Amino acid sequence: MRRALLIALVFGVTACGAPEAGVVTGKKYEKPYTWVEFTQVGTVQVPVFHDEPEQFKLRISDGEDEGWVSVPAFTWERKRVGDDYP
């Protein structure tokens, strides 16, 4: 029973994601941002700053699967919805 559950989880996780090739169905730009996490050091809360870079993403569909793919800025600028990817 446990083995079957483990196999189902492994294949379920690896089956998810964007196809390697298909048609661009969407575009998304995520601007860079900083977020703060507080960590306990002794009796003091210390802020830890995390910088996240900008991201350029294309939504790809192959007719069966669909998902987001991170791409370089020049690819994001060049591709339009309806274009073939890659």
N, C-alpha and C. Protein backbone atom coordinates (compact mmCIF):
# COMPACT_ATOMS: atom_id res chain seq x y z
N MET A 1 0.82 -1.19 0.00
CA MET A 1 0.00 0.00 0.00
C MET A 1 0.87 1.26 0.00
N ARG A 2 1.88 1.29 0.87
CA ARG A 2 2.76 2.45 0.94
C ARG A 2 3.54 2.62 -0.36
N ARG A 3 3.99 1.51 -0.92
CA ARG A 3 4.75 1.58 -2.17
C ARG A 3 3.89 2.15 -3.29
N ALA A 4 2.64 1.72 -3.38
CA ALA A 4 1.74 2.23 -4.41
C ALA A 4 1.51 3.72 -4.24
N LEU A 5 1.35 4.18 -3.00
CA LEU A 5 1.16 5.61 -2.72
C LEU A 5 2.40 6.39 -3.11
N LEU A 6 3.58 5.87 -2.76
CA LEU A 6 4.83 6.53 -3.10
C LEU A 6 5.00 6.63 -4.61
N ILE A 7 4.72 5.57 -5.33
CA ILE A 7 4.83 5.58 -6.80
C ILE A 7 3.86 6.59 -7.40
N ALA A 8 2.64 6.62 -6.88
CA ALA A 8 1.65 7.57 -7.38
C ALA A 8 2.10 9.01 -7.14
N LEU A 9 2.67 9.28 -5.98
CA LEU A 9 3.15 10.63 -5.68
C LEU A 9 4.31 11.02 -6.58
N VAL A 10 5.26 10.11 -6.78
CA VAL A 10 6.42 10.40 -7.63
C VAL A 10 5.98 10.68 -9.06
N PHE A 11 5.14 9.82 -9.61
CA PHE A 11 4.71 10.04 -10.99
C PHE A 11 3.78 11.25 -11.09
N GLY A 12 3.01 11.51 -10.08
CA GLY A 12 2.13 12.69 -10.08
C GLY A 12 2.93 13.97 -10.09
N VAL A 13 4.03 14.01 -9.35
CA VAL A 13 4.86 15.21 -9.30
C VAL A 13 5.64 15.39 -10.58
N THR A 14 6.21 14.30 -11.11
CA THR A 14 7.03 14.43 -12.32
C THR A 14 6.18 14.66 -13.55
N ALA A 15 4.92 14.28 -13.54
CA ALA A 15 4.07 14.47 -14.71
C ALA A 15 3.61 15.92 -14.84
N CYS A 16 3.67 16.68 -13.77
CA CYS A 16 3.23 18.06 -13.79
C CYS A 16 4.28 18.94 -14.46
N GLY A 17 3.86 20.11 -14.90
CA GLY A 17 4.79 21.05 -15.48
C GLY A 17 4.43 21.37 -16.91
N ALA A 18 5.21 22.25 -17.48
CA ALA A 18 4.95 22.71 -18.84
C ALA A 18 5.54 21.75 -19.86
N PRO A 19 4.89 21.64 -21.00
CA PRO A 19 5.47 20.83 -22.08
C PRO A 19 6.73 21.51 -22.63
N GLU A 20 7.60 20.73 -23.25
CA GLU A 20 8.84 21.27 -23.81
C GLU A 20 8.60 22.07 -25.08
N ALA A 21 7.53 21.77 -25.79
CA ALA A 21 7.22 22.47 -27.04
C ALA A 21 5.71 22.62 -27.16
N GLY A 22 5.29 23.62 -27.90
CA GLY A 22 3.86 23.85 -28.08
C GLY A 22 3.58 25.25 -28.57
N VAL A 23 2.42 25.77 -28.20
CA VAL A 23 1.98 27.10 -28.62
C VAL A 23 1.95 28.01 -27.40
N VAL A 24 2.40 29.25 -27.58
CA VAL A 24 2.36 30.24 -26.49
C VAL A 24 0.90 30.66 -26.28
N THR A 25 0.40 30.47 -25.06
CA THR A 25 -0.99 30.84 -24.76
C THR A 25 -1.07 31.98 -23.75
N GLY A 26 0.08 32.43 -23.23
CA GLY A 26 0.08 33.54 -22.29
C GLY A 26 1.49 34.00 -22.00
N LYS A 27 1.59 35.24 -21.50
CA LYS A 27 2.88 35.82 -21.12
C LYS A 27 2.73 36.46 -19.75
N LYS A 28 3.81 36.39 -18.96
CA LYS A 28 3.77 36.99 -17.63
C LYS A 28 5.16 37.54 -17.29
N TYR A 29 5.16 38.77 -16.77
CA TYR A 29 6.39 39.40 -16.28
C TYR A 29 6.24 39.60 -14.78
N GLU A 30 7.23 39.15 -14.02
CA GLU A 30 7.24 39.35 -12.58
C GLU A 30 8.40 40.26 -12.24
N LYS A 31 8.09 41.46 -11.74
CA LYS A 31 9.14 42.43 -11.43
C LYS A 31 9.95 41.97 -10.22
N PRO A 32 11.19 42.46 -10.10
CA PRO A 32 12.02 42.07 -8.95
C PRO A 32 11.42 42.62 -7.66
N TYR A 33 11.62 41.89 -6.58
CA TYR A 33 11.12 42.34 -5.29
C TYR A 33 11.99 41.79 -4.17
N THR A 34 11.83 42.38 -2.99
CA THR A 34 12.55 41.96 -1.80
C THR A 34 11.54 41.58 -0.73
N TRP A 35 11.80 40.47 -0.05
CA TRP A 35 10.95 40.08 1.07
C TRP A 35 11.81 39.83 2.29
N VAL A 36 11.20 39.96 3.47
CA VAL A 36 11.93 39.88 4.73
C VAL A 36 11.45 38.68 5.54
N GLU A 37 12.41 37.97 6.08
CA GLU A 37 12.15 36.85 6.98
C GLU A 37 12.86 37.16 8.30
N PHE A 38 12.18 36.97 9.41
CA PHE A 38 12.80 37.21 10.71
C PHE A 38 13.24 35.89 11.31
N THR A 39 14.51 35.86 11.75
CA THR A 39 15.10 34.66 12.33
C THR A 39 15.46 34.93 13.78
N GLN A 40 15.16 33.98 14.63
CA GLN A 40 15.48 34.09 16.06
C GLN A 40 16.95 33.78 16.27
N VAL A 41 17.69 34.73 16.85
CA VAL A 41 19.09 34.52 17.22
C VAL A 41 19.19 34.84 18.71
N GLY A 42 19.23 33.80 19.50
CA GLY A 42 19.19 34.00 20.96
C GLY A 42 17.83 34.54 21.35
N THR A 43 17.82 35.75 21.90
CA THR A 43 16.55 36.38 22.30
C THR A 43 16.16 37.51 21.36
N VAL A 44 16.85 37.61 20.24
CA VAL A 44 16.63 38.73 19.31
C VAL A 44 16.10 38.21 17.98
N GLN A 45 15.15 38.95 17.40
CA GLN A 45 14.66 38.66 16.05
C GLN A 45 15.52 39.46 15.06
N VAL A 46 16.18 38.76 14.14
CA VAL A 46 17.06 39.39 13.17
C VAL A 46 16.42 39.32 11.78
N PRO A 47 16.30 40.46 11.09
CA PRO A 47 15.72 40.41 9.75
C PRO A 47 16.73 39.87 8.73
N VAL A 48 16.23 39.02 7.84
CA VAL A 48 17.03 38.50 6.73
C VAL A 48 16.31 38.91 5.45
N PHE A 49 17.00 39.66 4.60
CA PHE A 49 16.40 40.18 3.38
C PHE A 49 16.71 39.25 2.21
N HIS A 50 15.68 38.94 1.42
CA HIS A 50 15.82 38.08 0.25
C HIS A 50 15.42 38.87 -0.99
N ASP A 51 16.34 38.97 -1.96
CA ASP A 51 16.06 39.65 -3.22
C ASP A 51 15.70 38.62 -4.28
N GLU A 52 14.55 38.81 -4.89
CA GLU A 52 14.09 37.92 -5.97
C GLU A 52 14.26 38.66 -7.30
N PRO A 53 14.89 38.05 -8.29
CA PRO A 53 15.11 38.72 -9.58
C PRO A 53 13.83 38.79 -10.41
N GLU A 54 13.86 39.65 -11.44
CA GLU A 54 12.73 39.69 -12.35
C GLU A 54 12.65 38.37 -13.11
N GLN A 55 11.43 38.00 -13.51
CA GLN A 55 11.23 36.75 -14.24
C GLN A 55 10.34 36.99 -15.45
N PHE A 56 10.69 36.35 -16.53
CA PHE A 56 9.91 36.40 -17.76
C PHE A 56 9.39 34.99 -18.01
N LYS A 57 8.06 34.84 -18.15
CA LYS A 57 7.47 33.52 -18.31
C LYS A 57 6.50 33.48 -19.48
N LEU A 58 6.48 32.33 -20.14
CA LEU A 58 5.52 32.05 -21.22
C LEU A 58 4.69 30.85 -20.80
N ARG A 59 3.39 30.91 -21.08
CA ARG A 59 2.50 29.76 -20.84
C ARG A 59 2.45 28.97 -22.14
N ILE A 60 2.81 27.69 -22.06
CA ILE A 60 2.93 26.82 -23.23
C ILE A 60 1.88 25.72 -23.16
N SER A 61 1.25 25.44 -24.30
CA SER A 61 0.28 24.35 -24.39
C SER A 61 0.61 23.48 -25.60
N ASP A 62 0.56 22.15 -25.38
CA ASP A 62 0.78 21.23 -26.50
C ASP A 62 -0.51 20.52 -26.88
N GLY A 63 -1.65 21.00 -26.38
CA GLY A 63 -2.93 20.38 -26.67
C GLY A 63 -3.40 19.47 -25.56
N GLU A 64 -2.46 18.91 -24.79
CA GLU A 64 -2.80 18.04 -23.66
C GLU A 64 -2.37 18.67 -22.34
N ASP A 65 -1.13 19.12 -22.29
CA ASP A 65 -0.59 19.73 -21.07
C ASP A 65 -0.37 21.22 -21.30
N GLU A 66 -0.37 21.97 -20.19
CA GLU A 66 -0.14 23.40 -20.26
C GLU A 66 0.56 23.84 -18.99
N GLY A 67 1.51 24.77 -19.11
CA GLY A 67 2.22 25.25 -17.93
C GLY A 67 3.13 26.41 -18.28
N TRP A 68 3.69 27.01 -17.21
CA TRP A 68 4.57 28.17 -17.36
C TRP A 68 6.02 27.75 -17.49
N VAL A 69 6.76 28.46 -18.37
CA VAL A 69 8.18 28.22 -18.60
C VAL A 69 8.91 29.54 -18.42
N SER A 70 9.98 29.55 -17.62
CA SER A 70 10.82 30.73 -17.49
C SER A 70 11.73 30.82 -18.71
N VAL A 71 11.81 32.01 -19.28
CA VAL A 71 12.61 32.22 -20.49
C VAL A 71 13.44 33.50 -20.33
N PRO A 72 14.50 33.65 -21.13
CA PRO A 72 15.26 34.90 -21.11
C PRO A 72 14.40 36.07 -21.61
N ALA A 73 14.78 37.28 -21.25
CA ALA A 73 14.02 38.47 -21.62
C ALA A 73 13.87 38.60 -23.14
N PHE A 74 14.94 38.31 -23.90
CA PHE A 74 14.85 38.47 -25.35
C PHE A 74 13.85 37.49 -25.97
N THR A 75 13.72 36.28 -25.41
CA THR A 75 12.73 35.32 -25.91
C THR A 75 11.32 35.80 -25.57
N TRP A 76 11.13 36.29 -24.35
CA TRP A 76 9.83 36.79 -23.90
C TRP A 76 9.36 37.95 -24.77
N GLU A 77 10.30 38.85 -25.12
CA GLU A 77 9.94 40.01 -25.94
C GLU A 77 9.61 39.60 -27.37
N ARG A 78 10.28 38.59 -27.89
CA ARG A 78 10.12 38.16 -29.28
C ARG A 78 8.85 37.33 -29.50
N LYS A 79 8.48 36.50 -28.53
CA LYS A 79 7.34 35.60 -28.69
C LYS A 79 6.01 36.32 -28.42
N ARG A 80 4.99 35.99 -29.21
CA ARG A 80 3.66 36.53 -29.03
C ARG A 80 2.69 35.35 -28.81
N VAL A 81 1.56 35.64 -28.17
CA VAL A 81 0.54 34.62 -27.98
C VAL A 81 0.14 34.08 -29.35
N GLY A 82 0.14 32.76 -29.49
CA GLY A 82 -0.17 32.11 -30.75
C GLY A 82 1.06 31.61 -31.48
N ASP A 83 2.26 32.10 -31.10
CA ASP A 83 3.51 31.65 -31.72
C ASP A 83 3.85 30.24 -31.24
N ASP A 84 4.60 29.51 -32.07
CA ASP A 84 5.11 28.20 -31.66
C ASP A 84 6.29 28.39 -30.72
N TYR A 85 6.42 27.47 -29.75
CA TYR A 85 7.54 27.49 -28.83
C TYR A 85 8.18 26.11 -28.85
N PRO A 86 9.46 25.96 -28.90
CA PRO A 86 10.44 27.01 -28.87
C PRO A 86 10.59 27.57 -30.21
